[in-house]
């Protein structure tokens, strides 16, 4: 029995969505690396990239060409198979998370006269899926550090495993708090629950909303290895940590995964706490909803970059103390308070 036209169209739309999201994600590091270096330059009272193209706009393309043609060096005594696949194990989960990430509600496509959803899949367990898949990226870091046959890389891999395990708990508790408030594991439902203006956003669900956001944000910084929690790449003591021995495109894959993780955390922060694609005003405006999502995500990305060039790096014992002795106890108390408020 042949499938009908509508079924074929649905399958084609899914492939188109996957292709578009994948191309956007592969292209994101180009503008983001330029932006980060520009922000670093202005914070440090200098120009940043300037020579390659106007205002250095072509610098990321020059870097990409350099990485493409750079020699792929593999240490002589490394576990070659694991060394080669580790960057892919780090990168693939970063892409797979976006299967459940919504970018908007619905959009009418005129030439096919069909309403299209701006997400690949609205999973009824979307929060669980994202937490499960994003946690797999740690295997790439651990295996990359271990397979390199380098003390610095091994220490970076061990640090990353301990750091991820510690802060996964806090970030999961923060997600549980959001699920309790929205009464749903679907990210679309979580956004729609915040669709009545700025005061309906979860960040303003007092008194627990701001606490959940701070826990989620701090734990996210540690999860994506950004300063002040980039102990896995500590250049001062570990010479770049788990990717010390990597070069060329394999090194680029690790950097790609890191930038995509930063974008993912920014989108999840907006979806969980800042109303997703909804306007802060509870009145109809002639602005497409996806504009609000992009604007909020861009603000978060800028904030991550600003923090990187503002705060000093923590010591490793301080990092573990914050995770286990501060964030987790506060999370447990906040879950109790959230449950009482929901009752």
Foldseek 3Di string as FASTA:
>chain_A
DDDDPVVVVLVVVLVVLLVVLVVCLVPVVLVLVQVLQCLLQVVVVHQGQPDDPHSNSCVSVVVQVCLQPPDWDADPQFPVVLLVCLLVQLQVLLSVLQQQFFLAQWDQDPVVRDIDGRGSDQDQQSQVVNLVSLLRNLSSQCSLLRRRPDPLQNVLSVLLVVLQVLLSLLLVLLLVLLCLVQVTNTLVSSLVQQQQAQCSFQCNPPPLSVLSLVSNVVSLCLSLLAPLNVPSLPCVPRVGYNCNSGGRVSVVSNVSSSVSSLLVSLLVSCSRGPNRLHDNHRDDDPDDSSVSNVVSSVVSSVVSSNNRSPDHHDDSVVSSCCRPVNSNVVSVVSVVVSVVVSD
